[in-house]
Amino acid sequence: MGTSTFIDIFGSMIIGGILLLTLYRLNDSTVENMFSNSGELIVQQNIVETVLLLEHDFRKIGFCNDWQKIPVPTNSILVADSNGIKFLTDVNSDGNVDSLHYYLGDTSELNQTQNPRDRLLYRVENNATPDGSNLGITQFEITYFNSLGDTLSFPIQQTGEIYTIQIDITAENTSAYNDVYTAVFWRQLRLTARNLRNR
């Protein structure tokens, strides 16, 4: 066993070490990409489901299958603030007036998730016990406009002035890889419930 054999063994150890480091980095990169891509997909699915429900409910503000039960639809918004709204509607289209209350919970309610910014988005029908869902919502802001397109300032005392609504929602993963959270933003510009235009 001579010097050339020692050099061959030493060289093969270096090349083997380089290959092992490359495989380790490739594996780590693959895991990160898989986590990131699946996280993005989950966040996008969560925000799509949230938006579909919000648009469905908000377009029915002031609607009742028996129109005589809500004779003045412009008075159907009961509470309007920056991250919550309560309004009258007919949820099941059965002719009964229901109230829906949407609002964003506090960050302290979700201390079991990694994300420090996610909150529960509550949808309370009538006087039911509030039951929120954790879809990674970190922002739920509502802006209200009058019939001239001017922004109404808070607190809104005359909810009958509300003509259109802008909704901003941000959703993030509830857990992260290397402290990186995927965020998705959605904005509904000037959503109008047809019944709010009945003046």
N, C-alpha and C. Protein backbone atom coordinates (compact mmCIF):
# COMPACT_ATOMS: atom_id res chain seq x y z
N MET A 1 0.85 -1.16 0.00
CA MET A 1 0.00 0.00 0.00
C MET A 1 0.90 1.22 0.00
N GLY A 2 0.86 1.90 -1.13
CA GLY A 2 1.77 3.03 -1.27
C GLY A 2 1.05 4.35 -1.16
N THR A 3 1.82 5.36 -1.54
CA THR A 3 1.31 6.73 -1.46
C THR A 3 0.14 6.93 -2.42
N SER A 4 0.21 6.32 -3.60
CA SER A 4 -0.88 6.53 -4.57
C SER A 4 -2.19 5.92 -4.06
N THR A 5 -2.13 4.82 -3.35
CA THR A 5 -3.33 4.22 -2.79
C THR A 5 -3.93 5.13 -1.72
N PHE A 6 -3.06 5.70 -0.89
CA PHE A 6 -3.54 6.64 0.13
C PHE A 6 -4.20 7.86 -0.51
N ILE A 7 -3.60 8.36 -1.57
CA ILE A 7 -4.17 9.52 -2.27
C ILE A 7 -5.52 9.14 -2.89
N ASP A 8 -5.61 7.93 -3.46
CA ASP A 8 -6.88 7.47 -4.05
C ASP A 8 -7.98 7.37 -2.99
N ILE A 9 -7.62 6.78 -1.82
CA ILE A 9 -8.61 6.65 -0.75
C ILE A 9 -9.03 8.02 -0.23
N PHE A 10 -8.05 8.89 -0.02
CA PHE A 10 -8.35 10.24 0.47
C PHE A 10 -9.20 11.02 -0.54
N GLY A 11 -8.87 10.90 -1.81
CA GLY A 11 -9.64 11.58 -2.87
C GLY A 11 -11.06 11.07 -2.96
N SER A 12 -11.22 9.72 -2.84
CA SER A 12 -12.57 9.17 -2.91
C SER A 12 -13.40 9.57 -1.69
N MET A 13 -12.74 9.74 -0.51
CA MET A 13 -13.46 10.22 0.67
C MET A 13 -13.95 11.65 0.46
N ILE A 14 -13.10 12.50 -0.13
CA ILE A 14 -13.50 13.89 -0.39
C ILE A 14 -14.66 13.93 -1.38
N ILE A 15 -14.55 13.17 -2.47
CA ILE A 15 -15.61 13.15 -3.48
C ILE A 15 -16.90 12.59 -2.87
N GLY A 16 -16.78 11.52 -2.08
CA GLY A 16 -17.96 10.95 -1.41
C GLY A 16 -18.59 11.95 -0.45
N GLY A 17 -17.77 12.70 0.29
CA GLY A 17 -18.30 13.73 1.21
C GLY A 17 -19.04 14.82 0.47
N ILE A 18 -18.45 15.25 -0.66
CA ILE A 18 -19.12 16.28 -1.48
C ILE A 18 -20.46 15.78 -1.99
N LEU A 19 -20.49 14.50 -2.45
CA LEU A 19 -21.76 13.93 -2.93
C LEU A 19 -22.79 13.84 -1.81
N LEU A 20 -22.36 13.44 -0.61
CA LEU A 20 -23.29 13.37 0.52
C LEU A 20 -23.83 14.74 0.89
N LEU A 21 -22.98 15.77 0.91
CA LEU A 21 -23.45 17.13 1.19
C LEU A 21 -24.43 17.60 0.14
N THR A 22 -24.15 17.29 -1.13
CA THR A 22 -25.06 17.68 -2.22
C THR A 22 -26.41 16.99 -2.05
N LEU A 23 -26.41 15.70 -1.72
CA LEU A 23 -27.67 14.98 -1.50
C LEU A 23 -28.43 15.54 -0.30
N TYR A 24 -27.71 15.90 0.75
CA TYR A 24 -28.36 16.46 1.93
C TYR A 24 -29.03 17.79 1.59
N ARG A 25 -28.31 18.65 0.87
CA ARG A 25 -28.89 19.94 0.48
C ARG A 25 -30.06 19.75 -0.48
N LEU A 26 -29.95 18.81 -1.39
CA LEU A 26 -31.03 18.53 -2.33
C LEU A 26 -32.27 18.04 -1.58
N ASN A 27 -32.07 17.17 -0.61
CA ASN A 27 -33.18 16.67 0.20
C ASN A 27 -33.84 17.80 0.97
N ASP A 28 -33.04 18.66 1.59
CA ASP A 28 -33.58 19.78 2.35
C ASP A 28 -34.36 20.73 1.44
N SER A 29 -33.81 21.00 0.26
CA SER A 29 -34.49 21.87 -0.71
C SER A 29 -35.81 21.25 -1.18
N THR A 30 -35.81 19.94 -1.38
CA THR A 30 -37.03 19.25 -1.82
C THR A 30 -38.11 19.32 -0.75
N VAL A 31 -37.73 19.09 0.50
CA VAL A 31 -38.68 19.16 1.61
C VAL A 31 -39.25 20.58 1.72
N GLU A 32 -38.38 21.59 1.61
CA GLU A 32 -38.84 22.98 1.69
C GLU A 32 -39.80 23.31 0.56
N ASN A 33 -39.48 22.88 -0.67
CA ASN A 33 -40.37 23.14 -1.81
C ASN A 33 -41.72 22.43 -1.64
N MET A 34 -41.69 21.19 -1.17
CA MET A 34 -42.95 20.46 -0.97
C MET A 34 -43.80 21.14 0.10
N PHE A 35 -43.17 21.56 1.20
CA PHE A 35 -43.91 22.22 2.27
C PHE A 35 -44.47 23.55 1.78
N SER A 36 -43.64 24.29 1.04
CA SER A 36 -44.07 25.60 0.54
C SER A 36 -45.23 25.46 -0.45
N ASN A 37 -45.10 24.53 -1.39
CA ASN A 37 -46.15 24.36 -2.39
C ASN A 37 -47.45 23.85 -1.78
N SER A 38 -47.37 22.89 -0.88
CA SER A 38 -48.60 22.41 -0.25
C SER A 38 -49.20 23.49 0.65
N GLY A 39 -48.34 24.28 1.31
CA GLY A 39 -48.83 25.38 2.14
C GLY A 39 -49.55 26.43 1.30
N GLU A 40 -48.99 26.77 0.14
CA GLU A 40 -49.63 27.74 -0.75
C GLU A 40 -50.98 27.22 -1.23
N LEU A 41 -51.03 25.95 -1.57
CA LEU A 41 -52.29 25.37 -2.04
C LEU A 41 -53.36 25.43 -0.95
N ILE A 42 -52.99 25.08 0.27
CA ILE A 42 -53.94 25.10 1.38
C ILE A 42 -54.43 26.51 1.64
N VAL A 43 -53.52 27.49 1.64
CA VAL A 43 -53.91 28.88 1.88
C VAL A 43 -54.85 29.38 0.79
N GLN A 44 -54.54 29.04 -0.47
CA GLN A 44 -55.41 29.47 -1.57
C GLN A 44 -56.79 28.82 -1.48
N GLN A 45 -56.83 27.54 -1.12
CA GLN A 45 -58.13 26.87 -0.97
C GLN A 45 -58.92 27.49 0.18
N ASN A 46 -58.25 27.81 1.29
CA ASN A 46 -58.93 28.42 2.43
C ASN A 46 -59.52 29.77 2.07
N ILE A 47 -58.76 30.59 1.35
CA ILE A 47 -59.27 31.93 1.04
C ILE A 47 -60.39 31.85 0.00
N VAL A 48 -60.32 30.91 -0.91
CA VAL A 48 -61.40 30.75 -1.90
C VAL A 48 -62.70 30.35 -1.20
N GLU A 49 -62.63 29.41 -0.27
CA GLU A 49 -63.83 28.99 0.47
C GLU A 49 -64.40 30.15 1.29
N THR A 50 -63.52 30.90 1.93
CA THR A 50 -63.96 32.05 2.73
C THR A 50 -64.64 33.09 1.85
N VAL A 51 -64.03 33.39 0.72
CA VAL A 51 -64.56 34.42 -0.18
C VAL A 51 -65.91 33.99 -0.76
N LEU A 52 -66.04 32.74 -1.14
CA LEU A 52 -67.32 32.28 -1.69
C LEU A 52 -68.44 32.44 -0.68
N LEU A 53 -68.18 32.09 0.56
CA LEU A 53 -69.20 32.23 1.60
C LEU A 53 -69.51 33.70 1.87
N LEU A 54 -68.47 34.54 1.97
CA LEU A 54 -68.68 35.96 2.22
C LEU A 54 -69.49 36.61 1.10
N GLU A 55 -69.10 36.35 -0.14
CA GLU A 55 -69.82 36.97 -1.26
C GLU A 55 -71.28 36.52 -1.28
N HIS A 56 -71.51 35.25 -1.02
CA HIS A 56 -72.89 34.74 -1.00
C HIS A 56 -73.71 35.45 0.07
N ASP A 57 -73.16 35.53 1.28
CA ASP A 57 -73.90 36.14 2.38
C ASP A 57 -74.04 37.65 2.22
N PHE A 58 -72.98 38.33 1.81
CA PHE A 58 -73.02 39.79 1.72
C PHE A 58 -73.94 40.26 0.60
N ARG A 59 -74.06 39.49 -0.46
CA ARG A 59 -74.97 39.91 -1.55
C ARG A 59 -76.43 39.77 -1.13
N LYS A 60 -76.68 39.05 -0.05
CA LYS A 60 -78.06 38.87 0.44
C LYS A 60 -78.40 39.81 1.58
N ILE A 61 -77.58 40.82 1.83
CA ILE A 61 -77.90 41.79 2.88
C ILE A 61 -79.23 42.45 2.54
N GLY A 62 -80.15 42.42 3.48
CA GLY A 62 -81.46 43.05 3.28
C GLY A 62 -82.43 42.22 2.48
N PHE A 63 -82.05 40.99 2.11
CA PHE A 63 -82.94 40.12 1.34
C PHE A 63 -83.77 39.25 2.28
N CYS A 64 -85.05 39.11 1.94
CA CYS A 64 -85.91 38.14 2.60
C CYS A 64 -86.89 37.63 1.56
N ASN A 65 -87.12 36.32 1.56
CA ASN A 65 -88.02 35.74 0.59
C ASN A 65 -89.43 36.32 0.71
N ASP A 66 -89.79 36.68 1.92
CA ASP A 66 -91.03 37.42 2.16
C ASP A 66 -90.63 38.88 2.33
N TRP A 67 -90.69 39.65 1.26
CA TRP A 67 -90.13 41.01 1.26
C TRP A 67 -90.79 41.93 2.28
N GLN A 68 -91.99 41.60 2.72
CA GLN A 68 -92.67 42.47 3.68
C GLN A 68 -92.02 42.40 5.07
N LYS A 69 -91.22 41.38 5.32
CA LYS A 69 -90.57 41.27 6.63
C LYS A 69 -89.34 42.18 6.75
N ILE A 70 -88.77 42.59 5.64
CA ILE A 70 -87.71 43.61 5.63
C ILE A 70 -88.16 44.68 4.62
N PRO A 71 -89.12 45.53 5.02
CA PRO A 71 -89.68 46.49 4.07
C PRO A 71 -88.69 47.58 3.66
N VAL A 72 -87.73 47.91 4.54
CA VAL A 72 -86.74 48.94 4.22
C VAL A 72 -85.36 48.29 4.26
N PRO A 73 -84.89 47.72 3.14
CA PRO A 73 -83.62 46.98 3.13
C PRO A 73 -82.41 47.84 3.51
N THR A 74 -82.49 49.14 3.31
CA THR A 74 -81.34 49.99 3.64
C THR A 74 -81.08 50.04 5.14
N ASN A 75 -82.06 49.64 5.94
CA ASN A 75 -81.87 49.60 7.39
C ASN A 75 -81.48 48.21 7.89
N SER A 76 -81.07 47.33 6.98
CA SER A 76 -80.79 45.95 7.38
C SER A 76 -79.39 45.76 7.95
N ILE A 77 -78.50 46.73 7.80
CA ILE A 77 -77.18 46.62 8.43
C ILE A 77 -77.32 47.17 9.85
N LEU A 78 -77.09 46.29 10.82
CA LEU A 78 -77.27 46.66 12.22
C LEU A 78 -76.00 47.23 12.84
N VAL A 79 -74.87 46.62 12.54
CA VAL A 79 -73.57 47.05 13.08
C VAL A 79 -72.56 47.05 11.94
N ALA A 80 -71.78 48.12 11.84
CA ALA A 80 -70.77 48.21 10.79
C ALA A 80 -69.49 48.81 11.38
N ASP A 81 -68.45 47.99 11.52
CA ASP A 81 -67.16 48.53 11.92
C ASP A 81 -66.07 47.97 11.02
N SER A 82 -64.83 48.29 11.31
CA SER A 82 -63.74 48.00 10.37
C SER A 82 -63.46 46.51 10.20
N ASN A 83 -63.69 45.69 11.22
CA ASN A 83 -63.49 44.25 11.03
C ASN A 83 -64.66 43.43 11.57
N GLY A 84 -65.85 43.94 11.34
CA GLY A 84 -67.05 43.21 11.70
C GLY A 84 -68.28 43.86 11.12
N ILE A 85 -69.28 43.04 10.87
CA ILE A 85 -70.55 43.55 10.36
C ILE A 85 -71.66 42.61 10.83
N LYS A 86 -72.81 43.21 11.13
CA LYS A 86 -73.99 42.43 11.50
C LYS A 86 -75.15 42.95 10.67
N PHE A 87 -75.88 42.05 10.04
CA PHE A 87 -76.94 42.49 9.15
C PHE A 87 -78.09 41.49 9.14
N LEU A 88 -79.24 41.95 8.62
CA LEU A 88 -80.43 41.12 8.48
C LEU A 88 -80.46 40.51 7.09
N THR A 89 -80.88 39.27 7.03
CA THR A 89 -80.98 38.57 5.75
C THR A 89 -81.89 37.36 5.94
N ASP A 90 -82.10 36.62 4.89
CA ASP A 90 -82.85 35.38 4.92
C ASP A 90 -81.87 34.27 4.53
N VAL A 91 -81.22 33.68 5.51
CA VAL A 91 -80.12 32.75 5.26
C VAL A 91 -80.57 31.56 4.42
N ASN A 92 -81.69 30.95 4.78
CA ASN A 92 -82.14 29.73 4.10
C ASN A 92 -83.20 29.98 3.04
N SER A 93 -83.48 31.25 2.74
CA SER A 93 -84.52 31.63 1.77
C SER A 93 -85.85 30.98 2.10
N ASP A 94 -86.18 30.96 3.42
CA ASP A 94 -87.43 30.36 3.86
C ASP A 94 -88.47 31.40 4.30
N GLY A 95 -88.16 32.67 4.08
CA GLY A 95 -89.10 33.72 4.44
C GLY A 95 -88.96 34.20 5.86
N ASN A 96 -88.00 33.68 6.61
CA ASN A 96 -87.75 34.13 7.98
C ASN A 96 -86.53 35.05 8.02
N VAL A 97 -86.66 36.12 8.78
CA VAL A 97 -85.55 37.07 8.89
C VAL A 97 -84.51 36.52 9.87
N ASP A 98 -83.28 36.47 9.43
CA ASP A 98 -82.17 36.03 10.26
C ASP A 98 -81.16 37.16 10.37
N SER A 99 -80.31 37.08 11.38
CA SER A 99 -79.20 38.02 11.47
C SER A 99 -77.91 37.25 11.31
N LEU A 100 -76.98 37.84 10.60
CA LEU A 100 -75.64 37.27 10.42
C LEU A 100 -74.64 38.26 10.98
N HIS A 101 -73.69 37.75 11.73
CA HIS A 101 -72.66 38.60 12.33
C HIS A 101 -71.30 38.01 11.97
N TYR A 102 -70.52 38.75 11.21
CA TYR A 102 -69.15 38.38 10.88
C TYR A 102 -68.21 39.26 11.68
N TYR A 103 -67.22 38.65 12.29
CA TYR A 103 -66.20 39.44 12.96
C TYR A 103 -64.94 38.60 13.14
N LEU A 104 -63.83 39.30 13.33
CA LEU A 104 -62.53 38.66 13.48
C LEU A 104 -62.19 38.55 14.95
N GLY A 105 -61.75 37.36 15.36
CA GLY A 105 -61.39 37.11 16.75
C GLY A 105 -60.05 37.73 17.11
N ASP A 106 -59.61 37.44 18.31
CA ASP A 106 -58.36 37.96 18.83
C ASP A 106 -57.23 36.96 18.57
N THR A 107 -55.99 37.46 18.45
CA THR A 107 -54.85 36.58 18.19
C THR A 107 -54.59 35.63 19.35
N SER A 108 -55.00 35.98 20.54
CA SER A 108 -54.74 35.13 21.71
C SER A 108 -55.60 33.86 21.70
N GLU A 109 -56.64 33.82 20.86
CA GLU A 109 -57.51 32.64 20.81
C GLU A 109 -56.83 31.45 20.14
N LEU A 110 -55.84 31.73 19.30
CA LEU A 110 -55.19 30.66 18.55
C LEU A 110 -53.73 30.52 18.97
N ASN A 111 -53.51 30.17 20.21
CA ASN A 111 -52.13 30.02 20.67
C ASN A 111 -51.58 28.63 20.39
N GLN A 112 -52.39 27.72 19.80
CA GLN A 112 -51.90 26.39 19.47
C GLN A 112 -51.28 26.33 18.07
N THR A 113 -51.38 27.40 17.28
CA THR A 113 -50.76 27.42 15.96
C THR A 113 -49.43 28.16 16.02
N GLN A 114 -48.56 27.87 15.07
CA GLN A 114 -47.26 28.53 15.01
C GLN A 114 -47.38 30.00 14.62
N ASN A 115 -48.33 30.29 13.73
CA ASN A 115 -48.45 31.65 13.21
C ASN A 115 -48.99 32.58 14.30
N PRO A 116 -48.24 33.62 14.65
CA PRO A 116 -48.71 34.52 15.72
C PRO A 116 -49.78 35.50 15.25
N ARG A 117 -50.07 35.55 13.93
CA ARG A 117 -51.00 36.54 13.40
C ARG A 117 -52.36 35.97 13.02
N ASP A 118 -52.51 34.65 12.96
CA ASP A 118 -53.79 34.10 12.50
C ASP A 118 -54.86 34.23 13.57
N ARG A 119 -56.10 34.35 13.10
CA ARG A 119 -57.25 34.57 13.99
C ARG A 119 -58.43 33.76 13.51
N LEU A 120 -59.38 33.60 14.38
CA LEU A 120 -60.63 32.94 14.01
C LEU A 120 -61.54 33.96 13.32
N LEU A 121 -62.15 33.56 12.23
CA LEU A 121 -63.18 34.37 11.59
C LEU A 121 -64.52 33.78 12.00
N TYR A 122 -65.31 34.60 12.69
CA TYR A 122 -66.59 34.13 13.21
C TYR A 122 -67.72 34.48 12.25
N ARG A 123 -68.64 33.52 12.11
CA ARG A 123 -69.89 33.73 11.37
C ARG A 123 -70.99 33.24 12.32
N VAL A 124 -71.71 34.20 12.89
CA VAL A 124 -72.72 33.87 13.89
C VAL A 124 -74.10 34.10 13.28
N GLU A 125 -74.87 33.04 13.22
CA GLU A 125 -76.23 33.13 12.69
C GLU A 125 -77.21 33.29 13.84
N ASN A 126 -78.02 34.35 13.76
CA ASN A 126 -78.98 34.71 14.81
C ASN A 126 -78.24 34.86 16.14
N ASN A 127 -78.71 34.21 17.18
CA ASN A 127 -78.06 34.33 18.49
C ASN A 127 -77.35 33.05 18.88
N ALA A 128 -76.85 32.32 17.90
CA ALA A 128 -76.15 31.06 18.18
C ALA A 128 -74.83 31.34 18.90
N THR A 129 -74.29 30.32 19.50
CA THR A 129 -72.99 30.44 20.15
C THR A 129 -71.94 30.71 19.08
N PRO A 130 -71.10 31.72 19.27
CA PRO A 130 -70.07 32.01 18.26
C PRO A 130 -69.18 30.81 18.01
N ASP A 131 -69.03 30.48 16.75
CA ASP A 131 -68.20 29.35 16.35
C ASP A 131 -67.35 29.80 15.18
N GLY A 132 -66.06 29.93 15.43
CA GLY A 132 -65.16 30.41 14.38
C GLY A 132 -64.43 29.27 13.72
N SER A 133 -63.86 29.56 12.56
CA SER A 133 -63.06 28.56 11.86
C SER A 133 -61.67 29.12 11.64
N ASN A 134 -60.68 28.24 11.83
CA ASN A 134 -59.30 28.65 11.66
C ASN A 134 -58.86 28.34 10.24
N LEU A 135 -58.95 29.32 9.38
CA LEU A 135 -58.51 29.18 8.00
C LEU A 135 -57.27 30.02 7.73
N GLY A 136 -56.58 30.41 8.79
CA GLY A 136 -55.36 31.19 8.62
C GLY A 136 -55.61 32.65 8.31
N ILE A 137 -56.79 33.15 8.62
CA ILE A 137 -57.12 34.55 8.32
C ILE A 137 -56.32 35.46 9.26
N THR A 138 -55.59 36.39 8.68
CA THR A 138 -54.83 37.35 9.49
C THR A 138 -55.37 38.77 9.35
N GLN A 139 -56.17 39.00 8.32
CA GLN A 139 -56.77 40.33 8.12
C GLN A 139 -58.18 40.16 7.58
N PHE A 140 -59.11 40.90 8.16
CA PHE A 140 -60.49 40.96 7.68
C PHE A 140 -60.94 42.39 7.93
N GLU A 141 -60.84 43.21 6.90
CA GLU A 141 -61.18 44.63 7.04
C GLU A 141 -62.29 45.00 6.06
N ILE A 142 -63.20 45.82 6.54
CA ILE A 142 -64.33 46.25 5.73
C ILE A 142 -64.32 47.77 5.66
N THR A 143 -64.48 48.27 4.45
CA THR A 143 -64.61 49.71 4.22
C THR A 143 -65.99 49.96 3.62
N TYR A 144 -66.65 50.99 4.10
CA TYR A 144 -68.02 51.27 3.67
C TYR A 144 -68.05 52.57 2.89
N PHE A 145 -68.90 52.60 1.86
CA PHE A 145 -69.03 53.78 1.00
C PHE A 145 -70.51 54.18 0.90
N ASN A 146 -70.74 55.48 0.76
CA ASN A 146 -72.11 55.95 0.56
C ASN A 146 -72.46 55.94 -0.91
N SER A 147 -73.62 56.45 -1.26
CA SER A 147 -74.09 56.40 -2.65
C SER A 147 -73.28 57.29 -3.58
N LEU A 148 -72.52 58.24 -3.02
CA LEU A 148 -71.66 59.09 -3.85
C LEU A 148 -70.26 58.50 -4.03
N GLY A 149 -70.00 57.38 -3.38
CA GLY A 149 -68.69 56.74 -3.48
C GLY A 149 -67.70 57.23 -2.45
N ASP A 150 -68.15 58.04 -1.51
CA ASP A 150 -67.27 58.54 -0.46
C ASP A 150 -67.16 57.52 0.68
N THR A 151 -65.96 57.43 1.26
CA THR A 151 -65.72 56.51 2.37
C THR A 151 -66.40 57.03 3.62
N LEU A 152 -67.12 56.16 4.30
CA LEU A 152 -67.76 56.52 5.56
C LEU A 152 -66.76 56.29 6.69
N SER A 153 -66.63 57.27 7.57
CA SER A 153 -65.67 57.15 8.67
C SER A 153 -66.33 56.49 9.89
N PHE A 154 -65.47 55.89 10.70
CA PHE A 154 -65.94 55.18 11.90
C PHE A 154 -65.97 56.12 13.09
N PRO A 155 -66.87 55.92 14.01
CA PRO A 155 -67.95 54.93 14.01
C PRO A 155 -69.09 55.37 13.09
N ILE A 156 -69.69 54.41 12.41
CA ILE A 156 -70.80 54.69 11.50
C ILE A 156 -72.09 54.68 12.30
N GLN A 157 -72.69 55.85 12.44
CA GLN A 157 -73.93 55.97 13.21
C GLN A 157 -75.16 55.66 12.34
N GLN A 158 -75.14 56.12 11.11
CA GLN A 158 -76.26 55.92 10.20
C GLN A 158 -75.92 54.82 9.19
N THR A 159 -76.19 53.57 9.55
CA THR A 159 -75.83 52.46 8.67
C THR A 159 -76.67 52.46 7.38
N GLY A 160 -77.76 53.19 7.38
CA GLY A 160 -78.57 53.30 6.18
C GLY A 160 -77.88 54.04 5.06
N GLU A 161 -76.78 54.75 5.36
CA GLU A 161 -76.02 55.45 4.33
C GLU A 161 -75.12 54.51 3.54
N ILE A 162 -74.90 53.29 4.03
CA ILE A 162 -73.99 52.35 3.37
C ILE A 162 -74.61 51.91 2.05
N TYR A 163 -73.83 52.07 0.98
CA TYR A 163 -74.31 51.75 -0.36
C TYR A 163 -73.48 50.61 -0.98
N THR A 164 -72.17 50.67 -0.78
CA THR A 164 -71.28 49.61 -1.24
C THR A 164 -70.26 49.30 -0.16
N ILE A 165 -69.65 48.12 -0.28
CA ILE A 165 -68.72 47.63 0.73
C ILE A 165 -67.46 47.11 0.04
N GLN A 166 -66.31 47.41 0.62
CA GLN A 166 -65.05 46.83 0.17
C GLN A 166 -64.54 45.89 1.26
N ILE A 167 -64.16 44.68 0.86
CA ILE A 167 -63.68 43.68 1.82
C ILE A 167 -62.24 43.34 1.49
N ASP A 168 -61.36 43.39 2.49
CA ASP A 168 -59.96 42.99 2.34
C ASP A 168 -59.70 41.81 3.27
N ILE A 169 -59.17 40.73 2.70
CA ILE A 169 -58.87 39.54 3.49
C ILE A 169 -57.45 39.08 3.16
N THR A 170 -56.69 38.73 4.20
CA THR A 170 -55.39 38.11 4.03
C THR A 170 -55.39 36.80 4.79
N ALA A 171 -54.88 35.76 4.15
CA ALA A 171 -54.75 34.46 4.80
C ALA A 171 -53.29 34.02 4.73
N GLU A 172 -52.83 33.35 5.77
CA GLU A 172 -51.47 32.81 5.82
C GLU A 172 -51.52 31.37 6.31
N ASN A 173 -50.41 30.63 6.11
CA ASN A 173 -50.33 29.28 6.67
C ASN A 173 -50.40 29.38 8.18
N THR A 174 -50.93 28.34 8.78
CA THR A 174 -50.95 28.29 10.24
C THR A 174 -49.62 27.79 10.80
N SER A 175 -48.80 27.16 9.95
CA SER A 175 -47.46 26.74 10.35
C SER A 175 -46.48 27.09 9.23
N ALA A 176 -45.21 27.23 9.59
CA ALA A 176 -44.23 27.70 8.62
C ALA A 176 -43.03 26.77 8.54
N TYR A 177 -42.30 26.89 7.46
CA TYR A 177 -41.04 26.19 7.30
C TYR A 177 -39.94 27.25 7.32
N ASN A 178 -39.03 27.16 8.26
CA ASN A 178 -37.97 28.16 8.44
C ASN A 178 -38.55 29.55 8.67
N ASP A 179 -39.65 29.63 9.42
CA ASP A 179 -40.30 30.90 9.79
C ASP A 179 -40.76 31.71 8.58
N VAL A 180 -41.10 31.04 7.48
CA VAL A 180 -41.63 31.72 6.29
C VAL A 180 -43.09 31.31 6.12
N TYR A 181 -43.98 32.31 6.16
CA TYR A 181 -45.41 32.07 6.00
C TYR A 181 -45.86 32.54 4.63
N THR A 182 -46.60 31.70 3.94
CA THR A 182 -47.17 32.08 2.66
C THR A 182 -48.42 32.91 2.91
N ALA A 183 -48.53 34.04 2.24
CA ALA A 183 -49.69 34.92 2.43
C ALA A 183 -50.42 35.10 1.10
N VAL A 184 -51.75 35.14 1.19
CA VAL A 184 -52.61 35.40 0.03
C VAL A 184 -53.54 36.54 0.40
N PHE A 185 -53.64 37.54 -0.48
CA PHE A 185 -54.49 38.71 -0.24
C PHE A 185 -55.62 38.72 -1.25
N TRP A 186 -56.82 39.07 -0.80
CA TRP A 186 -57.97 39.18 -1.69
C TRP A 186 -58.73 40.44 -1.33
N ARG A 187 -59.18 41.15 -2.34
CA ARG A 187 -59.96 42.37 -2.14
C ARG A 187 -61.19 42.34 -3.04
N GLN A 188 -62.34 42.56 -2.44
CA GLN A 188 -63.58 42.72 -3.19
C GLN A 188 -63.86 44.21 -3.26
N LEU A 189 -63.73 44.76 -4.44
CA LEU A 189 -63.97 46.19 -4.61
C LEU A 189 -65.45 46.46 -4.79
N ARG A 190 -65.96 47.29 -3.94
CA ARG A 190 -67.32 47.81 -4.06
C ARG A 190 -68.37 46.73 -4.27
N LEU A 191 -68.40 45.75 -3.38
CA LEU A 191 -69.44 44.74 -3.40
C LEU A 191 -70.77 45.41 -3.08
N THR A 192 -71.76 45.12 -3.88
CA THR A 192 -73.06 45.74 -3.69
C THR A 192 -74.14 44.68 -3.50
N ALA A 193 -74.84 44.78 -2.41
CA ALA A 193 -76.04 43.96 -2.24
C ALA A 193 -77.18 44.68 -2.95
N ARG A 194 -77.90 43.99 -3.82
CA ARG A 194 -78.94 44.65 -4.61
C ARG A 194 -79.96 45.37 -3.74
N ASN A 195 -80.24 44.80 -2.57
CA ASN A 195 -81.27 45.39 -1.72
C ASN A 195 -80.84 46.69 -1.08
N LEU A 196 -79.52 46.93 -0.97
CA LEU A 196 -79.07 48.21 -0.43
C LEU A 196 -79.35 49.36 -1.39
N ARG A 197 -79.57 49.05 -2.65
CA ARG A 197 -79.87 50.09 -3.63
C ARG A 197 -81.34 50.45 -3.67
N ASN A 198 -82.16 49.68 -2.97
CA ASN A 198 -83.60 49.97 -2.92
C ASN A 198 -83.84 51.12 -1.97
N ARG A 199 -83.94 52.29 -2.49
CA ARG A 199 -84.11 53.47 -1.65
C ARG A 199 -85.44 54.13 -1.95
